[in-house]
């Protein structure tokens, strides 16, 4: 039967009304129900975002507000299990709370729902980074780099992950690639500042930190610059930096926007996983700066003010997640200096150098800890190794005093026991007098070797990657995190 144009319009109108009213049979009812579930899920997600943003305005209630957001997102997921957005936001929030395995499970579901969404890979990489699994973070962010047009943020993220995994050469290559692609990428300059600090290139570290500060105030950079001032003996400059840190750390300050990592403004609640790379405080720094035993009471007061014991507990959580996290061990050593646990500091800095010989700044701090335990000769030797790489670096008077200690003073120093005299590192290819070519370290505990410290490339592992020499510094195929990920809905993590 052929309908006239007028009757066709009437039939179409009747069907449209049936669909809108939910009286149409079969699939129309299901579609109407799914739409309602998705709308409710989105309302719950939107409410959760409001609570997440409120955390920055009410820092004392931060954890409680985060828990409310987690509850709302959990309800959103239960309401509509096919909506990927609340899944990956919930996964990220669980990770912020330290519930990494639950977070990863939720993120896997988000990836299955929408494997093409870049923010899911971004969030999962951050979760792995917070969980101390830097190789998996690298694998995820390398996959992310193929999906996004703006590659500057992901290059900076990869720089941090490679730095934490101990590959300083690739870290530098990624940081340089990031700032080449975007001159305003503060995250890249921040990474270069920390990287050069760890390498012991204090002048370059200061230059990068100051450049990062021109792109926006950032409290962590003030702590880093204050550290550099203390190492160089500029206590007035350090005091000014700490004063600035106090101002920048006020309650009214918002953490850095998540758009700096590649998130959309819609999902930006100002979470910054990199603002605590330094577990330090003005009180901890001032406590470390006191070396006079007559001022021990003041040192204890500064240490208490700086909540050193609490910070040590936080760092130990990092080393529990990843015992080879040498940056966390470095921070632990710094805090142990603040609390006058010099034997503990010796152990921490020695562990850093065993894991990552590239961390030459630890030679400076190890020398200080050794001197405090009475091992003057080993303390001097550490500074001699550092000075071979950076002969023109200015050091505070307390370090110069260690470096210039005379043979007579060494022999007059208190005798050390094996418990207090750890091995002292040697540069690759360098041995004791009369024994060239040894890469071992010696001390009262006997010779040891730093893993990966020998080789023709030297302590830094070869020349830096030339910026722009390749699209990205290629991942080594022998590294677990560098394996290619198949293009499927199976999560690559």
Protein backbone atom coordinates (compact mmCIF):
# COMPACT_ATOMS: atom_id res chain seq x y z
CA UNK A 1 0.00 0.00 0.00
CA UNK A 2 1.29 3.41 -1.01
CA UNK A 3 0.71 6.20 1.48
CA UNK A 4 0.15 9.75 0.45
CA UNK A 5 2.70 12.35 1.61
CA UNK A 6 0.24 13.64 4.21
CA UNK A 7 -0.33 10.18 5.71
CA UNK A 8 3.45 9.49 5.75
CA UNK A 9 3.98 12.59 7.87
CA UNK A 10 1.20 11.54 10.23
CA UNK A 11 2.70 8.06 10.72
CA UNK A 12 6.18 9.46 11.34
CA UNK A 13 4.77 11.90 13.88
CA UNK A 14 2.92 9.11 15.70
CA UNK A 15 6.11 7.01 15.93
CA UNK A 16 8.11 10.01 17.19
CA UNK A 17 5.56 10.65 19.93
CA UNK A 18 5.68 6.98 20.91
CA UNK A 19 9.47 7.08 21.17
CA UNK A 20 9.47 10.25 23.27
CA UNK A 21 6.80 8.92 25.61
CA UNK A 22 8.55 5.57 26.03
CA UNK A 23 5.54 3.61 24.73
CA UNK A 24 7.25 2.32 21.59
CA UNK A 25 7.94 -1.41 21.87
CA UNK A 26 11.27 -3.25 22.17
CA UNK A 27 14.46 -1.31 21.78
CA UNK A 28 12.98 2.16 22.27
CA UNK A 29 12.24 1.35 25.93
CA UNK A 30 15.80 0.07 26.46
CA UNK A 31 17.31 3.15 24.82
CA UNK A 32 15.20 5.39 27.04
CA UNK A 33 16.35 3.51 30.17
CA UNK A 34 20.07 3.63 29.15
CA UNK A 35 19.83 7.35 28.55
CA UNK A 36 18.48 7.88 32.04
CA UNK A 37 21.29 5.81 33.58
CA UNK A 38 23.93 7.71 31.63
CA UNK A 39 22.42 11.05 32.70
CA UNK A 40 22.46 9.99 36.36
CA UNK A 41 26.04 8.74 36.03
CA UNK A 42 27.10 12.07 34.55
CA UNK A 43 25.38 14.01 37.34
CA UNK A 44 27.22 11.94 39.95
CA UNK A 45 30.52 12.45 38.09
CA UNK A 46 29.92 16.20 37.91
CA UNK A 47 29.24 16.31 41.67
CA UNK A 48 32.43 14.34 42.32
CA UNK A 49 34.42 16.86 40.27
CA UNK A 50 33.03 19.67 42.44
CA UNK A 51 34.28 17.93 45.58
CA UNK A 52 37.68 17.29 43.98
CA UNK A 53 38.04 20.97 43.12
CA UNK A 54 36.93 21.94 46.63
CA UNK A 55 39.93 20.03 48.05
CA UNK A 56 42.23 22.83 46.95
CA UNK A 57 40.21 25.46 48.79
CA UNK A 58 39.94 23.38 51.96
CA UNK A 59 43.29 21.57 52.36
CA UNK A 60 42.53 20.42 55.91
CA UNK A 61 39.49 18.56 54.60
CA UNK A 62 41.33 17.27 51.53
CA UNK A 63 41.19 13.57 52.41
CA UNK A 64 37.55 13.71 53.51
CA UNK A 65 36.53 15.49 50.31
CA UNK A 66 38.49 12.96 48.25
CA UNK A 67 36.61 10.15 49.98
CA UNK A 68 33.27 11.80 49.15
CA UNK A 69 34.35 12.07 45.49
CA UNK A 70 35.35 8.39 45.49
CA UNK A 71 31.91 7.45 46.87
CA UNK A 72 30.13 9.51 44.21
CA UNK A 73 32.24 8.06 41.40
CA UNK A 74 31.70 4.54 42.73
CA UNK A 75 27.94 5.16 42.55
CA UNK A 76 28.35 6.58 39.04
CA UNK A 77 30.12 3.41 37.93
CA UNK A 78 27.42 1.23 39.49
CA UNK A 79 24.71 3.31 37.83
CA UNK A 80 26.22 3.02 34.33
CA UNK A 81 29.01 0.49 33.99
CA UNK A 82 29.41 1.42 30.30
CA UNK A 83 30.50 5.03 30.97
CA UNK A 84 34.34 5.24 30.82
CA UNK A 85 34.67 8.74 32.33
CA UNK A 86 33.72 7.92 35.95
CA UNK A 87 35.79 4.73 35.68
CA UNK A 88 39.07 6.46 34.94
CA UNK A 89 38.39 9.39 37.28
CA UNK A 90 37.63 6.86 40.04
CA UNK A 91 40.82 4.97 39.20
CA UNK A 92 42.87 8.17 39.47
CA UNK A 93 41.20 9.16 42.76
CA UNK A 94 41.83 5.73 44.27
CA UNK A 95 45.48 6.08 43.28
CA UNK A 96 45.71 9.51 44.90
CA UNK A 97 44.38 7.83 48.05
CA UNK A 98 47.12 5.19 47.78
CA UNK A 99 44.78 2.36 46.75
CA UNK A 100 46.80 1.55 43.64
CA UNK A 101 45.60 -1.96 42.84
CA UNK A 102 41.95 -0.94 43.09
CA UNK A 103 42.72 2.08 40.95
CA UNK A 104 44.37 -0.07 38.29
CA UNK A 105 41.43 -2.47 38.21
CA UNK A 106 39.06 0.43 37.57
CA UNK A 107 41.34 1.90 34.93
CA UNK A 108 41.51 -1.45 33.13
CA UNK A 109 37.73 -1.40 32.85
CA UNK A 110 37.86 2.17 31.54
CA UNK A 111 40.38 1.11 28.89
CA UNK A 112 38.16 -1.77 27.78
CA UNK A 113 35.27 0.65 27.40
CA UNK A 114 37.25 3.26 25.46
CA UNK A 115 40.77 2.20 24.39
CA UNK A 116 41.13 5.33 22.25
CA UNK A 117 40.73 7.85 25.11
CA UNK A 118 44.15 9.46 25.83
CA UNK A 119 43.22 10.51 29.37
CA UNK A 120 42.80 6.87 30.36
CA UNK A 121 46.39 6.07 29.37
CA UNK A 122 47.51 9.31 31.00
CA UNK A 123 45.76 8.47 34.29
CA UNK A 124 46.99 4.88 34.30
CA UNK A 125 50.56 6.05 33.73
CA UNK A 126 50.24 8.44 36.66
CA UNK A 127 48.91 5.58 38.81
CA UNK A 128 51.88 3.39 37.90
CA UNK A 129 54.23 6.33 38.57
CA UNK A 130 52.71 6.89 42.02
CA UNK A 131 52.90 3.14 42.62
CA UNK A 132 56.65 3.20 41.95
CA UNK A 133 56.45 1.11 38.77
CA UNK A 134 58.26 3.55 36.49
CA UNK A 135 58.82 1.10 33.63
CA UNK A 136 55.07 0.51 33.28
CA UNK A 137 54.50 4.26 33.38
CA UNK A 138 57.02 4.61 30.56
CA UNK A 139 55.25 1.94 28.49
CA UNK A 140 51.86 3.63 28.91
CA UNK A 141 53.10 7.14 28.20
CA UNK A 142 55.01 6.00 25.12
CA UNK A 143 51.73 4.54 23.83
CA UNK A 144 50.04 7.83 24.74
CA UNK A 145 52.58 9.81 22.71
CA UNK A 146 51.26 8.18 19.53
CA UNK A 147 47.69 9.30 20.27
CA UNK A 148 48.10 13.01 21.09
CA UNK A 149 49.01 16.01 18.97
CA UNK A 150 50.47 18.07 21.83
CA UNK A 151 53.49 15.94 22.70
CA UNK A 152 55.26 18.41 25.01
CA UNK A 153 53.44 17.28 28.19
CA UNK A 154 53.90 13.56 27.53
CA UNK A 155 57.60 14.12 26.78
CA UNK A 156 57.97 15.79 30.17
CA UNK A 157 56.13 12.91 31.86
CA UNK A 158 58.43 10.40 30.18
CA UNK A 159 61.40 12.46 31.35
CA UNK A 160 60.27 12.11 34.96
CA UNK A 161 59.66 8.37 34.60
CA UNK A 162 63.07 7.74 33.03
CA UNK A 163 64.71 9.92 35.68
CA UNK A 164 63.07 7.89 38.46
CA UNK A 165 64.16 4.66 36.76
CA UNK A 166 67.78 5.90 36.73
CA UNK A 167 68.22 6.48 32.98
CA UNK A 168 69.42 10.07 33.13
CA UNK A 169 70.42 10.16 29.47
CA UNK A 170 66.92 9.36 28.19
CA UNK A 171 65.35 11.56 30.84
CA UNK A 172 67.38 14.52 29.63
CA UNK A 173 66.50 13.72 26.03
CA UNK A 174 62.77 13.75 26.78
CA UNK A 175 62.94 16.92 28.87
CA UNK A 176 64.84 18.68 26.08
CA UNK A 177 62.36 17.41 23.50
CA UNK A 178 59.52 18.74 25.65
CA UNK A 179 60.89 22.25 25.95
CA UNK A 180 61.81 22.21 22.27
CA UNK A 181 58.17 21.54 21.43
CA UNK A 182 56.89 24.07 23.97
CA UNK A 183 59.11 26.80 25.40
CA UNK A 184 56.49 27.35 28.12
CA UNK A 185 56.42 23.78 29.47
CA UNK A 186 57.30 24.41 33.12
CA UNK A 187 57.22 20.68 33.84
CA UNK A 188 60.18 20.15 31.49
CA UNK A 189 62.30 22.86 33.15
CA UNK A 190 61.37 21.52 36.57
CA UNK A 191 62.49 18.05 35.50
CA UNK A 192 65.79 19.37 34.16
CA UNK A 193 66.37 21.28 37.40
CA UNK A 194 65.91 18.13 39.50
CA UNK A 195 67.88 15.97 37.06
CA UNK A 196 70.89 18.28 37.08
CA UNK A 197 70.72 18.57 40.86
CA UNK A 198 70.91 14.78 41.16
CA UNK A 199 73.77 14.65 38.65
CA UNK A 200 75.63 17.19 40.77
CA UNK A 201 75.61 19.92 38.12
CA UNK A 202 74.39 22.56 40.55
CA UNK A 203 74.91 25.57 38.28
CA UNK A 204 72.81 24.03 35.51
CA UNK A 205 70.20 22.97 38.05
CA UNK A 206 69.89 26.55 39.29
CA UNK A 207 69.58 27.88 35.76
CA UNK A 208 66.75 25.46 34.90
CA UNK A 209 64.93 26.09 38.21
CA UNK A 210 65.06 29.84 37.72
CA UNK A 211 63.80 29.46 34.16
CA UNK A 212 60.91 27.32 35.43
CA UNK A 213 60.06 30.02 37.97
CA UNK A 214 59.69 32.60 35.20
CA UNK A 215 56.82 30.46 33.88
CA UNK A 216 54.91 30.55 37.16
CA UNK A 217 55.43 30.33 40.91
CA UNK A 218 56.01 26.78 42.13
CA UNK A 219 56.87 26.00 45.79
CA UNK A 220 59.02 22.92 45.12
CA UNK A 221 61.41 24.98 43.02
CA UNK A 222 62.01 27.28 46.00
CA UNK A 223 62.96 24.27 48.13
CA UNK A 224 65.35 23.09 45.42
CA UNK A 225 66.93 26.54 45.06
CA UNK A 226 67.28 26.77 48.85
CA UNK A 227 69.10 23.42 48.83
CA UNK A 228 71.49 24.74 46.21
CA UNK A 229 72.13 27.85 48.32
CA UNK A 230 72.87 25.74 51.40
CA UNK A 231 75.28 23.51 49.46
CA UNK A 232 77.11 26.60 48.21
CA UNK A 233 77.13 28.28 51.63
CA UNK A 234 74.73 31.12 50.80
CA UNK A 235 72.55 30.96 53.91
CA UNK A 236 71.12 34.44 53.29
CA UNK A 237 69.95 33.40 49.84
CA UNK A 238 68.54 30.17 51.26
CA UNK A 239 66.58 32.10 53.90
CA UNK A 240 65.03 34.26 51.18
CA UNK A 241 64.02 31.17 49.18
CA UNK A 242 62.41 29.59 52.24
CA UNK A 243 60.53 32.80 52.94
CA UNK A 244 59.22 32.71 49.37
CA UNK A 245 58.29 29.04 49.83
CA UNK A 246 56.19 29.95 52.87
CA UNK A 247 54.37 32.59 50.86
CA UNK A 248 53.75 30.30 47.88
CA UNK A 249 52.57 27.46 50.09
CA UNK A 250 49.70 29.49 51.53
CA UNK A 251 46.26 27.92 51.77
CA UNK A 252 44.93 30.09 48.95
CA UNK A 253 47.36 28.70 46.36
CA UNK A 254 46.05 26.29 43.75
CA UNK A 255 48.34 23.43 42.68
CA UNK A 256 49.45 23.43 39.06
CA UNK A 257 46.75 22.82 36.49
CA UNK A 258 46.40 19.25 35.24
CA UNK A 259 46.33 20.65 31.72
CA UNK A 260 50.13 20.85 32.08
CA UNK A 261 50.10 17.03 31.92
CA UNK A 262 47.64 16.88 29.01
CA UNK A 263 44.25 16.73 30.74
CA UNK A 264 41.26 18.66 29.41
CA UNK A 265 40.06 21.69 31.34
CA UNK A 266 36.80 19.81 31.95
CA UNK A 267 38.62 17.20 34.06
CA UNK A 268 41.11 19.53 35.75
CA UNK A 269 40.93 19.46 39.55
CA UNK A 270 44.53 20.66 40.07
CA UNK A 271 46.13 17.40 41.15
CA UNK A 272 49.91 17.52 40.78
CA UNK A 273 51.83 14.23 41.23
CA UNK A 274 55.17 16.05 40.97
CA UNK A 275 54.83 18.67 43.69
CA UNK A 276 56.23 16.28 46.33
CA UNK A 277 59.35 15.08 44.54
CA UNK A 278 61.26 16.74 47.40
CA UNK A 279 60.18 15.58 50.88
CA UNK A 280 61.73 18.54 52.60
CA UNK A 281 60.73 21.62 54.58
CA UNK A 282 62.31 24.84 55.86
CA UNK A 283 62.61 23.29 59.33
CA UNK A 284 64.41 20.23 57.97
CA UNK A 285 66.83 22.39 55.99
CA UNK A 286 67.59 24.67 58.93
CA UNK A 287 68.19 21.61 61.11
CA UNK A 288 70.70 20.24 58.57
CA UNK A 289 72.53 23.56 58.45
CA UNK A 290 73.42 23.32 62.18
CA UNK A 291 76.68 21.47 62.71
CA UNK A 292 77.67 22.89 66.10
CA UNK A 293 76.96 20.39 68.88
CA UNK A 294 76.36 23.32 71.24
CA UNK A 295 73.27 24.17 69.16
CA UNK A 296 71.77 20.69 69.34
CA UNK A 297 68.68 21.96 71.14
CA UNK A 298 68.00 24.38 68.29
CA UNK A 299 68.55 21.63 65.71
CA UNK A 300 65.97 19.45 67.44
CA UNK A 301 63.53 22.34 67.50
CA UNK A 302 63.94 22.92 63.75
CA UNK A 303 63.60 19.19 63.10
CA UNK A 304 60.35 19.05 65.04
CA UNK A 305 59.08 22.18 63.35
CA UNK A 306 59.86 20.64 59.96
CA UNK A 307 57.99 17.40 60.84
CA UNK A 308 61.05 15.40 59.87
CA UNK A 309 59.87 12.17 61.46
CA UNK A 310 56.56 12.33 59.57
CA UNK A 311 58.38 13.00 56.30
CA UNK A 312 60.68 10.02 56.89
CA UNK A 313 57.59 7.82 57.30
CA UNK A 314 56.20 9.10 53.98
CA UNK A 315 59.50 8.41 52.20
CA UNK A 316 59.67 4.91 53.66
CA UNK A 317 56.29 4.20 52.07
CA UNK A 318 57.87 5.06 48.71
CA UNK A 319 60.80 2.71 49.30
CA UNK A 320 58.39 -0.02 50.40
CA UNK A 321 56.63 0.27 47.04
CA UNK A 322 59.94 0.24 45.19
CA UNK A 323 63.13 -0.61 47.16
CA UNK A 324 65.21 0.66 44.21
CA UNK A 325 63.61 4.12 44.24
CA UNK A 326 66.91 5.92 44.66
CA UNK A 327 65.32 9.39 44.69
CA UNK A 328 63.17 8.39 47.66
CA UNK A 329 66.31 6.97 49.31
CA UNK A 330 68.09 10.26 48.60
CA UNK A 331 65.28 12.16 50.30
CA UNK A 332 65.42 9.76 53.23
CA UNK A 333 69.13 10.44 53.61
CA UNK A 334 68.53 14.19 53.60
CA UNK A 335 65.92 13.86 56.35
CA UNK A 336 68.23 11.59 58.36
CA UNK A 337 70.85 14.35 58.26
CA UNK A 338 68.19 16.70 59.62
CA UNK A 339 67.41 14.31 62.49
CA UNK A 340 71.14 13.74 63.24
CA UNK A 341 70.88 10.06 62.27
CA UNK A 342 74.25 10.17 60.54
CA UNK A 343 74.81 6.41 60.39
CA UNK A 344 71.38 6.06 58.78
CA UNK A 345 72.21 8.85 56.33
CA UNK A 346 75.45 7.09 55.38
CA UNK A 347 73.49 3.93 54.67
CA UNK A 348 70.87 5.76 52.58
CA UNK A 349 73.34 7.72 50.45
CA UNK A 350 75.45 4.60 49.96
CA UNK A 351 72.33 2.76 48.77
CA UNK A 352 71.61 5.58 46.31
CA UNK A 353 75.08 5.35 44.81
CA UNK A 354 74.86 1.58 44.57
CA UNK A 355 71.57 1.83 42.67
CA UNK A 356 72.37 4.93 40.62
CA UNK A 357 76.03 5.99 40.40
CA UNK A 358 74.84 8.97 38.32
CA UNK A 359 73.66 10.69 41.52
CA UNK A 360 76.88 12.54 42.18
CA UNK A 361 75.22 15.06 44.47
CA UNK A 362 75.02 12.20 46.98
CA UNK A 363 78.82 12.21 47.14
CA UNK A 364 78.57 15.64 48.78
CA UNK A 365 76.00 14.57 51.34
CA UNK A 366 77.71 11.22 51.94
CA UNK A 367 80.93 13.07 52.74
CA UNK A 368 79.06 15.14 55.33
CA UNK A 369 77.49 12.07 56.93
CA UNK A 370 80.82 10.22 56.97
CA UNK A 371 82.56 13.19 58.58
CA UNK A 372 79.88 13.26 61.29
CA UNK A 373 80.52 9.57 62.04
CA UNK A 374 84.28 10.16 62.35
CA UNK A 375 85.32 8.68 59.00
CA UNK A 376 87.33 11.70 57.85
CA UNK A 377 89.43 9.92 55.22
CA UNK A 378 86.42 8.42 53.46
CA UNK A 379 84.59 11.73 53.68
CA UNK A 380 87.46 13.49 51.95
CA UNK A 381 87.61 10.81 49.30
CA UNK A 382 83.94 11.30 48.42
CA UNK A 383 84.43 15.02 47.84
CA UNK A 384 87.53 14.33 45.76
CA UNK A 385 85.46 12.14 43.44
CA UNK A 386 82.82 14.84 43.15
CA UNK A 387 85.41 17.54 42.47
CA UNK A 388 86.91 15.51 39.64
CA UNK A 389 83.70 16.03 37.68
CA UNK A 390 82.84 19.54 38.88
CA UNK A 391 86.16 21.11 39.86
CA UNK A 392 84.82 24.68 39.76
CA UNK A 393 81.69 24.07 41.82
CA UNK A 394 81.51 26.35 44.84
CA UNK A 395 80.79 24.49 48.08
CA UNK A 396 79.96 25.67 51.57
CA UNK A 397 82.79 26.08 54.06
CA UNK A 398 81.85 22.88 55.91
CA UNK A 399 82.36 20.86 52.72
CA UNK A 400 85.58 22.64 51.78
CA UNK A 401 86.89 21.86 55.26
CA UNK A 402 86.29 18.16 54.58
CA UNK A 403 87.94 18.37 51.16
CA UNK A 404 91.08 20.04 52.52
CA UNK A 405 91.57 17.88 55.62
CA UNK A 406 95.27 17.11 56.08
CA UNK A 407 96.87 13.71 56.51
CA UNK A 408 97.69 14.55 60.13
CA UNK A 409 94.06 15.42 60.80
CA UNK A 410 92.93 12.16 59.17
CA UNK A 411 95.20 10.11 61.39
CA UNK A 412 94.00 12.01 64.46
CA UNK A 413 90.33 11.41 63.62
CA UNK A 414 88.43 8.93 65.84
CA UNK A 415 88.80 5.34 64.76
CA UNK A 416 85.77 3.99 62.92
CA UNK A 417 84.28 0.55 63.22
CA UNK A 418 82.93 -1.55 60.36
CA UNK A 419 79.44 -0.56 61.49
CA UNK A 420 80.11 3.12 60.91
CA UNK A 421 82.50 3.06 57.96
CA UNK A 422 80.70 2.01 54.80
CA UNK A 423 82.28 1.46 51.41
CA UNK A 424 83.29 4.62 49.58
CA UNK A 425 82.43 4.84 45.88
CA UNK A 426 85.00 5.00 43.14
CA UNK A 427 84.52 6.43 39.71
CA UNK A 428 84.25 3.81 36.94
CA UNK A 429 87.65 2.75 35.69
CA UNK A 430 89.39 4.16 38.74
CA UNK A 431 91.05 2.07 41.42
CA UNK A 432 93.08 2.55 44.59
CA UNK A 433 96.56 4.05 44.24
CA UNK A 434 98.69 1.68 42.26
CA UNK A 435 95.70 -0.32 41.04
CA UNK A 436 94.29 1.49 38.01
CA UNK A 437 91.24 0.18 36.30
CA UNK A 438 89.33 -1.02 39.34
CA UNK A 439 85.67 -0.07 39.53
CA UNK A 440 85.19 -1.42 43.03
CA UNK A 441 84.49 0.52 46.17
CA UNK A 442 86.47 -0.11 49.30
CA UNK A 443 86.02 0.36 53.01
CA UNK A 444 85.90 -1.46 56.28
CA UNK A 445 83.16 -3.72 54.96
CA UNK A 446 85.30 -4.92 52.10
CA UNK A 447 85.09 -4.29 48.34
CA UNK A 448 81.76 -3.99 46.57
CA UNK A 449 80.67 -2.97 43.10
CA UNK A 450 78.08 -0.45 42.02
CA UNK A 451 75.68 -2.17 39.64
CA UNK A 452 76.18 -0.75 36.17
CA UNK A 453 78.93 1.66 37.25
CA UNK A 454 81.65 0.30 34.98
CA UNK A 455 82.00 0.79 31.28
CA UNK A 456 83.60 3.05 28.71
CA UNK A 457 80.79 5.58 28.78
CA UNK A 458 81.65 6.82 32.25
CA UNK A 459 79.47 7.66 35.21
CA UNK A 460 76.84 9.56 33.29
CA UNK A 461 76.34 6.70 30.84
CA UNK A 462 77.48 8.51 27.69
CA UNK A 463 76.83 11.87 26.04
CA UNK A 464 73.42 13.51 26.36
CA UNK A 465 70.88 12.97 23.62
CA UNK A 466 71.00 15.83 21.17
CA UNK A 467 67.64 17.64 21.24
CA UNK A 468 65.72 16.99 18.07
CA UNK A 469 68.04 14.23 16.87
CA UNK A 470 65.07 11.88 16.76
CA UNK A 471 61.32 12.15 17.25
CA UNK A 472 61.63 10.71 20.73
CA UNK A 473 64.54 9.00 22.50
CA UNK A 474 63.95 5.36 21.67
CA UNK A 475 63.27 3.00 24.53
CA UNK A 476 65.69 0.15 24.94
CA UNK A 477 64.10 -3.13 23.81
CA UNK A 478 65.65 -4.87 26.80
CA UNK A 479 63.67 -2.80 29.31
CA UNK A 480 60.40 -4.26 30.58
CA UNK A 481 58.54 -1.02 30.01
CA UNK A 482 59.70 -0.69 26.43
CA UNK A 483 57.86 -3.68 25.00
CA UNK A 484 55.35 -2.78 22.28
CA UNK A 485 51.68 -2.94 23.22
CA UNK A 486 49.25 -4.62 20.87
CA UNK A 487 46.43 -2.45 19.55
CA UNK A 488 43.47 -4.12 21.23
CA UNK A 489 40.96 -3.58 23.97
CA UNK A 490 43.07 -5.63 26.37
CA UNK A 491 44.63 -3.17 28.82
CA UNK A 492 48.39 -2.69 28.27
CA UNK A 493 48.97 -2.70 32.03
